[in-house]
């Protein structure tokens, strides 16, 4: 019995599929940026460094510094 090769149909990408791919790409980029921020902030480890960083952050609104403050809290929790 001869076997016939089955060629899959090429289906154009749906708008939903395209949107999901875009969302995944955005999440990957956000995670990468977050890891980079964590690495940079990890260098502020001494008390003097943290005081300097707190002084800088205090010049900006809570909304502007929320992510940085959250990352610092995570770093502190890991160190404890």
PDB file of N, CA and C in Angstrom:
ATOM      1  N   UNK A   1       0.833  -1.169   0.000  1.00  0.00           N
ATOM      2  CA  UNK A   1       0.000   0.000   0.000  1.00  0.00           C
ATOM      3  C   UNK A   1       0.883   1.239   0.000  1.00  0.00           C
ATOM      4  N   UNK A   2       0.671   2.134  -0.905  1.00  0.00           N
ATOM      5  CA  UNK A   2       1.491   3.343  -1.036  1.00  0.00           C
ATOM      6  C   UNK A   2       1.062   4.372  -0.002  1.00  0.00           C
ATOM      7  N   UNK A   3       2.056   5.010   0.605  1.00  0.00           N
ATOM      8  CA  UNK A   3       1.748   6.064   1.574  1.00  0.00           C
ATOM      9  C   UNK A   3       1.792   7.405   0.869  1.00  0.00           C
ATOM     10  N   UNK A   4       0.841   8.217   1.163  1.00  0.00           N
ATOM     11  CA  UNK A   4       0.793   9.545   0.579  1.00  0.00           C
ATOM     12  C   UNK A   4       1.305  10.545   1.598  1.00  0.00           C
ATOM     13  N   UNK A   5       2.191  11.374   1.166  1.00  0.00           N
ATOM     14  CA  UNK A   5       2.708  12.418   2.052  1.00  0.00           C
ATOM     15  C   UNK A   5       1.623  13.457   2.262  1.00  0.00           C
ATOM     16  N   UNK A   6       1.432  13.807   3.483  1.00  0.00           N
ATOM     17  CA  UNK A   6       0.423  14.820   3.800  1.00  0.00           C
ATOM     18  C   UNK A   6       1.121  16.161   3.985  1.00  0.00           C
ATOM     19  N   UNK A   7       0.750  17.105   3.198  1.00  0.00           N
ATOM     20  CA  UNK A   7       1.303  18.450   3.309  1.00  0.00           C
ATOM     21  C   UNK A   7       0.342  19.286   4.125  1.00  0.00           C
ATOM     22  N   UNK A   8       0.800  19.786   5.273  1.00  0.00           N
ATOM     23  CA  UNK A   8      -0.103  20.595   6.098  1.00  0.00           C
ATOM     24  C   UNK A   8      -0.483  21.879   5.374  1.00  0.00           C
ATOM     25  N   UNK A   9      -1.702  22.286   5.633  1.00  0.00           N
ATOM     26  CA  UNK A   9      -2.166  23.534   5.033  1.00  0.00           C
ATOM     27  C   UNK A   9      -1.496  24.709   5.722  1.00  0.00           C
ATOM     28  N   UNK A  10      -1.186  25.710   4.968  1.00  0.00           N
ATOM     29  CA  UNK A  10      -0.636  26.931   5.540  1.00  0.00           C
ATOM     30  C   UNK A  10      -1.816  27.810   5.914  1.00  0.00           C
ATOM     31  N   UNK A  11      -1.913  28.089   7.199  1.00  0.00           N
ATOM     32  CA  UNK A  11      -3.018  28.902   7.691  1.00  0.00           C
ATOM     33  C   UNK A  11      -2.458  30.264   8.057  1.00  0.00           C
ATOM     34  N   UNK A  12      -3.057  31.320   7.547  1.00  0.00           N
ATOM     35  CA  UNK A  12      -2.560  32.646   7.905  1.00  0.00           C
ATOM     36  C   UNK A  12      -2.734  32.891   9.405  1.00  0.00           C
ATOM     37  N   UNK A  13      -1.815  33.622   9.971  1.00  0.00           N
ATOM     38  CA  UNK A  13      -1.862  33.922  11.400  1.00  0.00           C
ATOM     39  C   UNK A  13      -3.105  34.744  11.706  1.00  0.00           C
ATOM     40  N   UNK A  14      -3.801  34.308  12.738  1.00  0.00           N
ATOM     41  CA  UNK A  14      -5.001  35.039  13.133  1.00  0.00           C
ATOM     42  C   UNK A  14      -4.598  36.260  13.942  1.00  0.00           C
ATOM     43  N   UNK A  15      -5.491  37.246  14.022  1.00  0.00           N
ATOM     44  CA  UNK A  15      -5.184  38.418  14.847  1.00  0.00           C
ATOM     45  C   UNK A  15      -4.948  38.037  16.307  1.00  0.00           C
ATOM     46  N   UNK A  16      -5.674  37.045  16.798  1.00  0.00           N
ATOM     47  CA  UNK A  16      -5.492  36.613  18.181  1.00  0.00           C
ATOM     48  C   UNK A  16      -4.093  36.031  18.381  1.00  0.00           C
ATOM     49  N   UNK A  17      -3.661  35.187  17.440  1.00  0.00           N
ATOM     50  CA  UNK A  17      -2.331  34.595  17.521  1.00  0.00           C
ATOM     51  C   UNK A  17      -1.258  35.683  17.484  1.00  0.00           C
ATOM     52  N   UNK A  18      -1.424  36.637  16.608  1.00  0.00           N
ATOM     53  CA  UNK A  18      -0.463  37.744  16.515  1.00  0.00           C
ATOM     54  C   UNK A  18      -0.427  38.541  17.811  1.00  0.00           C
ATOM     55  N   UNK A  19      -1.586  38.770  18.397  1.00  0.00           N
ATOM     56  CA  UNK A  19      -1.650  39.520  19.657  1.00  0.00           C
ATOM     57  C   UNK A  19      -0.972  38.744  20.785  1.00  0.00           C
ATOM     58  N   UNK A  20      -1.201  37.440  20.831  1.00  0.00           N
ATOM     59  CA  UNK A  20      -0.557  36.622  21.857  1.00  0.00           C
ATOM     60  C   UNK A  20       0.959  36.632  21.712  1.00  0.00           C
ATOM     61  N   UNK A  21       1.440  36.513  20.472  1.00  0.00           N
ATOM     62  CA  UNK A  21       2.890  36.564  20.241  1.00  0.00           C
ATOM     63  C   UNK A  21       3.455  37.892  20.705  1.00  0.00           C
ATOM     64  N   UNK A  22       2.746  38.990  20.406  1.00  0.00           N
ATOM     65  CA  UNK A  22       3.204  40.319  20.810  1.00  0.00           C
ATOM     66  C   UNK A  22       3.227  40.451  22.331  1.00  0.00           C
ATOM     67  N   UNK A  23       2.196  39.935  22.991  1.00  0.00           N
ATOM     68  CA  UNK A  23       2.153  39.993  24.454  1.00  0.00           C
ATOM     69  C   UNK A  23       3.290  39.189  25.073  1.00  0.00           C
ATOM     70  N   UNK A  24       3.554  38.022  24.517  1.00  0.00           N
ATOM     71  CA  UNK A  24       4.661  37.209  25.028  1.00  0.00           C
ATOM     72  C   UNK A  24       6.000  37.916  24.844  1.00  0.00           C
ATOM     73  N   UNK A  25       6.186  38.548  23.709  1.00  0.00           N
ATOM     74  CA  UNK A  25       7.424  39.287  23.460  1.00  0.00           C
ATOM     75  C   UNK A  25       7.564  40.444  24.448  1.00  0.00           C
ATOM     76  N   UNK A  26       6.470  41.130  24.723  1.00  0.00           N
ATOM     77  CA  UNK A  26       6.504  42.235  25.683  1.00  0.00           C
ATOM     78  C   UNK A  26       6.834  41.730  27.079  1.00  0.00           C
ATOM     79  N   UNK A  27       6.257  40.590  27.458  1.00  0.00           N
ATOM     80  CA  UNK A  27       6.543  40.025  28.792  1.00  0.00           C
ATOM     81  C   UNK A  27       8.003  39.608  28.910  1.00  0.00           C
ATOM     82  N   UNK A  28       8.534  38.993  27.843  1.00  0.00           N
ATOM     83  CA  UNK A  28       9.956  38.612  27.868  1.00  0.00           C
ATOM     84  C   UNK A  28      10.835  39.843  28.028  1.00  0.00           C
ATOM     85  N   UNK A  29      10.516  40.908  27.305  1.00  0.00           N
ATOM     86  CA  UNK A  29      11.296  42.139  27.391  1.00  0.00           C
ATOM     87  C   UNK A  29      11.187  42.746  28.786  1.00  0.00           C
ATOM     88  N   UNK A  30       9.998  42.700  29.370  1.00  0.00           N
ATOM     89  CA  UNK A  30       9.803  43.246  30.717  1.00  0.00           C
ATOM     90  C   UNK A  30      10.588  42.435  31.750  1.00  0.00           C
ATOM     91  N   UNK A  31      10.576  41.106  31.621  1.00  0.00           N
ATOM     92  CA  UNK A  31      11.350  40.270  32.551  1.00  0.00           C
ATOM     93  C   UNK A  31      12.847  40.545  32.413  1.00  0.00           C
ATOM     94  N   UNK A  32      13.308  40.701  31.183  1.00  0.00           N
ATOM     95  CA  UNK A  32      14.719  40.992  30.950  1.00  0.00           C
ATOM     96  C   UNK A  32      15.100  42.332  31.584  1.00  0.00           C
ATOM     97  N   UNK A  33      14.259  43.341  31.399  1.00  0.00           N
ATOM     98  CA  UNK A  33      14.520  44.664  31.982  1.00  0.00           C
ATOM     99  C   UNK A  33      14.503  44.584  33.509  1.00  0.00           C
ATOM    100  N   UNK A  34      13.585  43.790  34.061  1.00  0.00           N
ATOM    101  CA  UNK A  34      13.497  43.647  35.512  1.00  0.00           C
ATOM    102  C   UNK A  34      14.752  42.981  36.065  1.00  0.00           C
ATOM    103  N   UNK A  35      15.232  41.925  35.391  1.00  0.00           N
ATOM    104  CA  UNK A  35      16.464  41.265  35.849  1.00  0.00           C
ATOM    105  C   UNK A  35      17.653  42.218  35.791  1.00  0.00           C
ATOM    106  N   UNK A  36      17.700  43.028  34.749  1.00  0.00           N
ATOM    107  CA  UNK A  36      18.782  43.999  34.622  1.00  0.00           C
ATOM    108  C   UNK A  36      18.715  45.028  35.751  1.00  0.00           C
ATOM    109  N   UNK A  37      17.514  45.498  36.057  1.00  0.00           N
ATOM    110  CA  UNK A  37      17.339  46.449  37.163  1.00  0.00           C
ATOM    111  C   UNK A  37      17.760  45.814  38.479  1.00  0.00           C
ATOM    112  N   UNK A  38      17.377  44.552  38.699  1.00  0.00           N
ATOM    113  CA  UNK A  38      17.781  43.851  39.919  1.00  0.00           C
ATOM    114  C   UNK A  38      19.302  43.763  40.031  1.00  0.00           C
ATOM    115  N   UNK A  39      19.972  43.451  38.913  1.00  0.00           N
ATOM    116  CA  UNK A  39      21.442  43.365  38.936  1.00  0.00           C
ATOM    117  C   UNK A  39      22.064  44.721  39.269  1.00  0.00           C
ATOM    118  N   UNK A  40      21.532  45.777  38.653  1.00  0.00           N
ATOM    119  CA  UNK A  40      22.086  47.111  38.898  1.00  0.00           C
ATOM    120  C   UNK A  40      21.870  47.543  40.343  1.00  0.00           C
ATOM    121  N   UNK A  41      20.672  47.300  40.870  1.00  0.00           N
ATOM    122  CA  UNK A  41      20.370  47.734  42.232  1.00  0.00           C
ATOM    123  C   UNK A  41      21.075  46.895  43.285  1.00  0.00           C
ATOM    124  N   UNK A  42      21.455  45.685  42.944  1.00  0.00           N
ATOM    125  CA  UNK A  42      22.163  44.826  43.887  1.00  0.00           C
ATOM    126  C   UNK A  42      23.513  45.425  44.284  1.00  0.00           C
ATOM    127  N   UNK A  43      24.046  46.310  43.456  1.00  0.00           N
ATOM    128  CA  UNK A  43      25.326  46.944  43.769  1.00  0.00           C
ATOM    129  C   UNK A  43      25.187  47.978  44.891  1.00  0.00           C
ATOM    130  N   UNK A  44      23.984  48.421  45.174  1.00  0.00           N
ATOM    131  CA  UNK A  44      23.745  49.363  46.271  1.00  0.00           C
ATOM    132  C   UNK A  44      23.536  48.567  47.548  1.00  0.00           C
ATOM    133  N   UNK A  45      24.601  48.017  48.068  1.00  0.00           N
ATOM    134  CA  UNK A  45      24.468  47.086  49.184  1.00  0.00           C
ATOM    135  C   UNK A  45      24.881  47.661  50.531  1.00  0.00           C
ATOM    136  N   UNK A  46      25.752  48.645  50.546  1.00  0.00           N
ATOM    137  CA  UNK A  46      26.173  49.194  51.839  1.00  0.00           C
ATOM    138  C   UNK A  46      25.132  50.186  52.351  1.00  0.00           C
ATOM    139  N   UNK A  47      25.201  50.476  53.631  1.00  0.00           N
ATOM    140  CA  UNK A  47      24.269  51.430  54.236  1.00  0.00           C
ATOM    141  C   UNK A  47      24.392  52.802  53.571  1.00  0.00           C
ATOM    142  N   UNK A  48      25.618  53.217  53.273  1.00  0.00           N
ATOM    143  CA  UNK A  48      25.831  54.517  52.629  1.00  0.00           C
ATOM    144  C   UNK A  48      25.238  54.533  51.221  1.00  0.00           C
ATOM    145  N   UNK A  49      25.421  53.429  50.496  1.00  0.00           N
ATOM    146  CA  UNK A  49      24.839  53.335  49.152  1.00  0.00           C
ATOM    147  C   UNK A  49      23.325  53.446  49.203  1.00  0.00           C
ATOM    148  N   UNK A  50      22.727  52.742  50.160  1.00  0.00           N
ATOM    149  CA  UNK A  50      21.266  52.754  50.261  1.00  0.00           C
ATOM    150  C   UNK A  50      20.740  54.116  50.688  1.00  0.00           C
ATOM    151  N   UNK A  51      21.464  54.803  51.565  1.00  0.00           N
ATOM    152  CA  UNK A  51      21.060  56.163  51.950  1.00  0.00           C
ATOM    153  C   UNK A  51      21.102  57.094  50.748  1.00  0.00           C
ATOM    154  N   UNK A  52      22.138  56.964  49.945  1.00  0.00           N
ATOM    155  CA  UNK A  52      22.255  57.785  48.748  1.00  0.00           C
ATOM    156  C   UNK A  52      21.110  57.475  47.775  1.00  0.00           C
ATOM    157  N   UNK A  53      20.833  56.197  47.592  1.00  0.00           N
ATOM    158  CA  UNK A  53      19.747  55.794  46.704  1.00  0.00           C
ATOM    159  C   UNK A  53      18.399  56.289  47.231  1.00  0.00           C
ATOM    160  N   UNK A  54      18.178  56.178  48.541  1.00  0.00           N
ATOM    161  CA  UNK A  54      16.930  56.679  49.135  1.00  0.00           C
ATOM    162  C   UNK A  54      16.789  58.183  48.926  1.00  0.00           C
ATOM    163  N   UNK A  55      17.891  58.913  49.031  1.00  0.00           N
ATOM    164  CA  UNK A  55      17.847  60.363  48.803  1.00  0.00           C
ATOM    165  C   UNK A  55      17.463  60.668  47.356  1.00  0.00           C
ATOM    166  N   UNK A  56      17.997  59.905  46.442  1.00  0.00           N
ATOM    167  CA  UNK A  56      17.658  60.102  45.023  1.00  0.00           C
ATOM    168  C   UNK A  56      16.188  59.773  44.783  1.00  0.00           C
ATOM    169  N   UNK A  57      15.738  58.646  45.326  1.00  0.00           N
ATOM    170  CA  UNK A  57      14.352  58.226  45.126  1.00  0.00           C
ATOM    171  C   UNK A  57      13.359  59.194  45.758  1.00  0.00           C
ATOM    172  N   UNK A  58      13.748  59.817  46.856  1.00  0.00           N
ATOM    173  CA  UNK A  58      12.831  60.727  47.547  1.00  0.00           C
ATOM    174  C   UNK A  58      12.528  61.981  46.730  1.00  0.00           C
ATOM    175  N   UNK A  59      13.320  62.246  45.721  1.00  0.00           N
ATOM    176  CA  UNK A  59      13.071  63.397  44.844  1.00  0.00           C
ATOM    177  C   UNK A  59      11.983  63.124  43.811  1.00  0.00           C
ATOM    178  N   UNK A  60      11.514  61.892  43.768  1.00  0.00           N
ATOM    179  CA  UNK A  60      10.529  61.490  42.768  1.00  0.00           C
ATOM    180  C   UNK A  60       9.285  60.934  43.454  1.00  0.00           C
ATOM    181  N   UNK A  61       8.204  60.879  42.715  1.00  0.00           N
ATOM    182  CA  UNK A  61       6.941  60.410  43.286  1.00  0.00           C
ATOM    183  C   UNK A  61       6.988  58.904  43.549  1.00  0.00           C
ATOM    184  N   UNK A  62       6.063  58.473  44.397  1.00  0.00           N
ATOM    185  CA  UNK A  62       5.937  57.048  44.697  1.00  0.00           C
ATOM    186  C   UNK A  62       5.651  56.264  43.417  1.00  0.00           C
ATOM    187  N   UNK A  63       4.808  56.829  42.562  1.00  0.00           N
ATOM    188  CA  UNK A  63       4.468  56.154  41.308  1.00  0.00           C
ATOM    189  C   UNK A  63       5.699  55.961  40.423  1.00  0.00           C
ATOM    190  N   UNK A  64       6.549  56.970  40.378  1.00  0.00           N
ATOM    191  CA  UNK A  64       7.746  56.902  39.534  1.00  0.00           C
ATOM    192  C   UNK A  64       8.774  55.903  40.067  1.00  0.00           C
ATOM    193  N   UNK A  65       8.794  55.715  41.364  1.00  0.00           N
ATOM    194  CA  UNK A  65       9.833  54.884  41.980  1.00  0.00           C
ATOM    195  C   UNK A  65       9.312  53.540  42.490  1.00  0.00           C
ATOM    196  N   UNK A  66       8.049  53.253  42.246  1.00  0.00           N
ATOM    197  CA  UNK A  66       7.437  52.036  42.805  1.00  0.00           C
ATOM    198  C   UNK A  66       8.186  50.769  42.405  1.00  0.00           C
ATOM    199  N   UNK A  67       8.529  50.643  41.140  1.00  0.00           N
ATOM    200  CA  UNK A  67       9.210  49.426  40.697  1.00  0.00           C
ATOM    201  C   UNK A  67      10.584  49.296  41.353  1.00  0.00           C
ATOM    202  N   UNK A  68      11.310  50.389  41.431  1.00  0.00           N
ATOM    203  CA  UNK A  68      12.639  50.356  42.054  1.00  0.00           C
ATOM    204  C   UNK A  68      12.507  49.988  43.526  1.00  0.00           C
ATOM    205  N   UNK A  69      11.556  50.596  44.212  1.00  0.00           N
ATOM    206  CA  UNK A  69      11.365  50.289  45.636  1.00  0.00           C
ATOM    207  C   UNK A  69      10.960  48.837  45.834  1.00  0.00           C
ATOM    208  N   UNK A  70      10.144  48.318  44.932  1.00  0.00           N
ATOM    209  CA  UNK A  70       9.743  46.913  45.029  1.00  0.00           C
ATOM    210  C   UNK A  70      10.961  45.997  44.841  1.00  0.00           C
ATOM    211  N   UNK A  71      11.777  46.284  43.862  1.00  0.00           N
ATOM    212  CA  UNK A  71      12.975  45.472  43.619  1.00  0.00           C
ATOM    213  C   UNK A  71      13.901  45.532  44.822  1.00  0.00           C
ATOM    214  N   UNK A  72      14.058  46.705  45.413  1.00  0.00           N
ATOM    215  CA  UNK A  72      14.901  46.827  46.608  1.00  0.00           C
ATOM    216  C   UNK A  72      14.341  46.005  47.763  1.00  0.00           C
ATOM    217  N   UNK A  73      13.021  45.996  47.905  1.00  0.00           N
ATOM    218  CA  UNK A  73      12.405  45.195  48.960  1.00  0.00           C
ATOM    219  C   UNK A  73      12.650  43.698  48.742  1.00  0.00           C
ATOM    220  N   UNK A  74      12.583  43.271  47.497  1.00  0.00           N
ATOM    221  CA  UNK A  74      12.857  41.856  47.176  1.00  0.00           C
ATOM    222  C   UNK A  74      14.309  41.524  47.474  1.00  0.00           C
ATOM    223  N   UNK A  75      15.215  42.422  47.103  1.00  0.00           N
ATOM    224  CA  UNK A  75      16.639  42.210  47.380  1.00  0.00           C
ATOM    225  C   UNK A  75      16.875  42.118  48.886  1.00  0.00           C
ATOM    226  N   UNK A  76      16.231  43.016  49.652  1.00  0.00           N
ATOM    227  CA  UNK A  76      16.374  42.994  51.114  1.00  0.00           C
ATOM    228  C   UNK A  76      15.836  41.694  51.700  1.00  0.00           C
ATOM    229  N   UNK A  77      14.700  41.232  51.180  1.00  0.00           N
ATOM    230  CA  UNK A  77      14.099  39.999  51.687  1.00  0.00           C
ATOM    231  C   UNK A  77      14.999  38.802  51.394  1.00  0.00           C
ATOM    232  N   UNK A  78      15.622  38.779  50.241  1.00  0.00           N
ATOM    233  CA  UNK A  78      16.525  37.686  49.901  1.00  0.00           C
ATOM    234  C   UNK A  78      17.765  37.682  50.797  1.00  0.00           C
ATOM    235  N   UNK A  79      18.211  38.888  51.166  1.00  0.00           N
ATOM    236  CA  UNK A  79      19.416  39.014  51.983  1.00  0.00           C
ATOM    237  C   UNK A  79      19.159  38.654  53.442  1.00  0.00           C
ATOM    238  N   UNK A  80      17.910  38.744  53.863  1.00  0.00           N
ATOM    239  CA  UNK A  80      17.574  38.488  55.282  1.00  0.00           C
ATOM    240  C   UNK A  80      17.572  37.023  55.619  1.00  0.00           C
TER     241      UNK A  80
END
